[in-house]
Amino acid sequence: MKLTKEQSKMVIEYLSQKAAQEAPIADTDWAAWDKHLWMTCYEASLAIERKIDESFWAQLINAQLDAQTFDRDPAGYLFERGEEDNEHTNNYYHDVMKDLVSSSIDQAFQMSKAA
């Protein structure tokens, strides 16, 4: 059964969230990070039966990591960037994170190639 475009994007979103959550952030060995990106990109490519370009996958994982960091501690995220922790700024950054993740998912799918 071939996935529709929308189904493929949902799979990409789920697997990229999972990949970001499981990323070896504390590990300073870049080989571990590269292996994680390659393995998760390969898993996502198999799942949607399309070859996802690794550079677009890395961009998506970074967007997911940023969004997850913001979601866990919005005040800390804003403080690190020299921003005020208020409702307006919080909502602005939340919207930016959603847009970044969404556009990265779209780009990862659109730039993928049929298997």
C-alpha atoms as a PDB file:
ATOM      1  CA  MET A   1       0.000   0.000   0.000  1.00  0.00           C
ATOM      2  CA  LYS A   2       1.414   3.341  -1.082  1.00  0.00           C
ATOM      3  CA  LEU A   3       1.104   6.207   1.386  1.00  0.00           C
ATOM      4  CA  THR A   4      -0.554   9.430   0.304  1.00  0.00           C
ATOM      5  CA  LYS A   5       1.389  12.683   0.472  1.00  0.00           C
ATOM      6  CA  GLU A   6      -0.419  13.642   3.695  1.00  0.00           C
ATOM      7  CA  GLN A   7       0.207  10.236   5.282  1.00  0.00           C
ATOM      8  CA  SER A   8       3.881  10.425   4.341  1.00  0.00           C
ATOM      9  CA  LYS A   9       4.190  13.845   5.966  1.00  0.00           C
ATOM     10  CA  MET A  10       2.554  12.523   9.147  1.00  0.00           C
ATOM     11  CA  VAL A  11       5.052   9.645   9.221  1.00  0.00           C
ATOM     12  CA  ILE A  12       7.925  12.080   8.658  1.00  0.00           C
ATOM     13  CA  GLU A  13       6.633  14.273  11.484  1.00  0.00           C
ATOM     14  CA  TYR A  14       6.316  11.351  13.899  1.00  0.00           C
ATOM     15  CA  LEU A  15       9.717   9.863  13.075  1.00  0.00           C
ATOM     16  CA  SER A  16      11.463  13.238  13.190  1.00  0.00           C
ATOM     17  CA  GLN A  17       9.975  13.961  16.636  1.00  0.00           C
ATOM     18  CA  LYS A  18      11.163  10.560  17.787  1.00  0.00           C
ATOM     19  CA  ALA A  19      14.612  11.125  16.274  1.00  0.00           C
ATOM     20  CA  ALA A  20      14.913  14.493  18.014  1.00  0.00           C
ATOM     21  CA  GLN A  21      13.871  13.009  21.354  1.00  0.00           C
ATOM     22  CA  GLU A  22      16.418  10.207  21.018  1.00  0.00           C
ATOM     23  CA  ALA A  23      19.240  12.389  19.662  1.00  0.00           C
ATOM     24  CA  PRO A  24      22.610  11.896  21.359  1.00  0.00           C
ATOM     25  CA  ILE A  25      22.738  15.525  22.497  1.00  0.00           C
ATOM     26  CA  ALA A  26      24.938  14.901  25.528  1.00  0.00           C
ATOM     27  CA  ASP A  27      27.402  12.897  23.422  1.00  0.00           C
ATOM     28  CA  THR A  28      30.174  15.116  22.066  1.00  0.00           C
ATOM     29  CA  ASP A  29      31.206  12.433  19.589  1.00  0.00           C
ATOM     30  CA  TRP A  30      30.068  13.743  16.199  1.00  0.00           C
ATOM     31  CA  ALA A  31      30.228  10.220  14.803  1.00  0.00           C
ATOM     32  CA  ALA A  32      27.363   9.244  17.147  1.00  0.00           C
ATOM     33  CA  TRP A  33      25.325  12.236  15.958  1.00  0.00           C
ATOM     34  CA  ASP A  34      26.056  11.447  12.284  1.00  0.00           C
ATOM     35  CA  LYS A  35      25.117   7.809  12.791  1.00  0.00           C
ATOM     36  CA  HIS A  36      21.870   8.797  14.532  1.00  0.00           C
ATOM     37  CA  LEU A  37      20.927  11.165  11.694  1.00  0.00           C
ATOM     38  CA  TRP A  38      21.777   8.596   9.034  1.00  0.00           C
ATOM     39  CA  MET A  39      19.900   5.762  10.748  1.00  0.00           C
ATOM     40  CA  THR A  40      16.784   7.820  11.437  1.00  0.00           C
ATOM     41  CA  CYS A  41      16.787   9.273   7.905  1.00  0.00           C
ATOM     42  CA  TYR A  42      17.062   5.748   6.542  1.00  0.00           C
ATOM     43  CA  GLU A  43      14.183   4.587   8.775  1.00  0.00           C
ATOM     44  CA  ALA A  44      11.980   7.468   7.610  1.00  0.00           C
ATOM     45  CA  SER A  45      12.912   6.857   3.971  1.00  0.00           C
ATOM     46  CA  LEU A  46      11.930   3.204   4.280  1.00  0.00           C
ATOM     47  CA  ALA A  47       8.684   4.086   6.044  1.00  0.00           C
ATOM     48  CA  ILE A  48       7.488   6.424   3.292  1.00  0.00           C
ATOM     49  CA  GLU A  49       9.161   4.518   0.447  1.00  0.00           C
ATOM     50  CA  ARG A  50      10.984   7.639  -0.724  1.00  0.00           C
ATOM     51  CA  LYS A  51      14.638   8.653  -0.344  1.00  0.00           C
ATOM     52  CA  ILE A  52      14.840  11.630   2.007  1.00  0.00           C
ATOM     53  CA  ASP A  53      17.892  13.813   1.452  1.00  0.00           C
ATOM     54  CA  GLU A  54      20.071  13.736   4.566  1.00  0.00           C
ATOM     55  CA  SER A  55      20.621  17.507   4.602  1.00  0.00           C
ATOM     56  CA  PHE A  56      16.875  18.173   4.684  1.00  0.00           C
ATOM     57  CA  TRP A  57      16.463  15.495   7.361  1.00  0.00           C
ATOM     58  CA  ALA A  58      19.169  17.148   9.494  1.00  0.00           C
ATOM     59  CA  GLN A  59      17.432  20.517   9.075  1.00  0.00           C
ATOM     60  CA  LEU A  60      14.145  18.960  10.196  1.00  0.00           C
ATOM     61  CA  ILE A  61      15.706  17.261  13.226  1.00  0.00           C
ATOM     62  CA  ASN A  62      17.295  20.561  14.274  1.00  0.00           C
ATOM     63  CA  ALA A  63      13.917  22.303  13.948  1.00  0.00           C
ATOM     64  CA  GLN A  64      12.305  19.533  16.034  1.00  0.00           C
ATOM     65  CA  LEU A  65      15.050  19.813  18.680  1.00  0.00           C
ATOM     66  CA  ASP A  66      14.538  23.569  18.876  1.00  0.00           C
ATOM     67  CA  ALA A  67      10.766  23.178  19.163  1.00  0.00           C
ATOM     68  CA  GLN A  68      11.093  20.501  21.852  1.00  0.00           C
ATOM     69  CA  THR A  69      13.552  22.639  23.818  1.00  0.00           C
ATOM     70  CA  PHE A  70      11.150  25.565  23.664  1.00  0.00           C
ATOM     71  CA  ASP A  71       8.164  23.402  24.657  1.00  0.00           C
ATOM     72  CA  ARG A  72       9.995  21.986  27.699  1.00  0.00           C
ATOM     73  CA  ASP A  73      11.125  25.359  29.035  1.00  0.00           C
ATOM     74  CA  PRO A  74       9.837  28.415  27.173  1.00  0.00           C
ATOM     75  CA  ALA A  75      11.174  30.855  29.776  1.00  0.00           C
ATOM     76  CA  GLY A  76      14.657  29.332  29.678  1.00  0.00           C
ATOM     77  CA  TYR A  77      14.639  29.240  25.877  1.00  0.00           C
ATOM     78  CA  LEU A  78      13.673  32.906  25.692  1.00  0.00           C
ATOM     79  CA  PHE A  79      16.195  33.891  28.380  1.00  0.00           C
ATOM     80  CA  GLU A  80      19.043  32.233  26.440  1.00  0.00           C
ATOM     81  CA  ARG A  81      18.130  34.387  23.450  1.00  0.00           C
ATOM     82  CA  GLY A  82      17.837  37.613  25.413  1.00  0.00           C
ATOM     83  CA  GLU A  83      14.071  37.779  24.970  1.00  0.00           C
ATOM     84  CA  GLU A  84      11.460  38.746  27.533  1.00  0.00           C
ATOM     85  CA  ASP A  85       9.288  35.968  28.896  1.00  0.00           C
ATOM     86  CA  ASN A  86       5.828  37.356  28.257  1.00  0.00           C
ATOM     87  CA  GLU A  87       2.712  36.094  26.548  1.00  0.00           C
ATOM     88  CA  HIS A  88       3.360  37.950  23.283  1.00  0.00           C
ATOM     89  CA  THR A  89       6.954  36.703  22.906  1.00  0.00           C
ATOM     90  CA  ASN A  90       5.989  33.201  24.019  1.00  0.00           C
ATOM     91  CA  ASN A  91       3.192  33.034  21.432  1.00  0.00           C
ATOM     92  CA  TYR A  92       5.457  34.486  18.745  1.00  0.00           C
ATOM     93  CA  TYR A  93       8.186  31.896  19.328  1.00  0.00           C
ATOM     94  CA  HIS A  94       5.641  29.089  19.568  1.00  0.00           C
ATOM     95  CA  ASP A  95       4.250  30.079  16.157  1.00  0.00           C
ATOM     96  CA  VAL A  96       7.748  30.382  14.685  1.00  0.00           C
ATOM     97  CA  MET A  97       8.652  26.892  15.940  1.00  0.00           C
ATOM     98  CA  LYS A  98       5.462  25.412  14.467  1.00  0.00           C
ATOM     99  CA  ASP A  99       6.129  27.106  11.126  1.00  0.00           C
ATOM    100  CA  LEU A 100       9.771  25.967  11.048  1.00  0.00           C
ATOM    101  CA  VAL A 101       8.878  22.362  11.781  1.00  0.00           C
ATOM    102  CA  SER A 102       5.998  22.394   9.307  1.00  0.00           C
ATOM    103  CA  SER A 103       8.050  23.902   6.491  1.00  0.00           C
ATOM    104  CA  SER A 104      10.937  21.512   7.226  1.00  0.00           C
ATOM    105  CA  ILE A 105       8.558  18.541   6.991  1.00  0.00           C
ATOM    106  CA  ASP A 106       7.201  19.869   3.686  1.00  0.00           C
ATOM    107  CA  GLN A 107      10.697  20.415   2.348  1.00  0.00           C
ATOM    108  CA  ALA A 108      11.936  16.973   3.436  1.00  0.00           C
ATOM    109  CA  PHE A 109       9.017  15.380   1.620  1.00  0.00           C
ATOM    110  CA  GLN A 110       9.105  17.585  -1.471  1.00  0.00           C
ATOM    111  CA  MET A 111      12.836  17.093  -1.944  1.00  0.00           C
ATOM    112  CA  SER A 112      12.638  13.339  -1.447  1.00  0.00           C
ATOM    113  CA  LYS A 113      12.823  11.014  -4.406  1.00  0.00           C
ATOM    114  CA  ALA A 114      10.613   8.086  -5.298  1.00  0.00           C
ATOM    115  CA  ALA A 115      12.072   4.777  -4.167  1.00  0.00           C
END
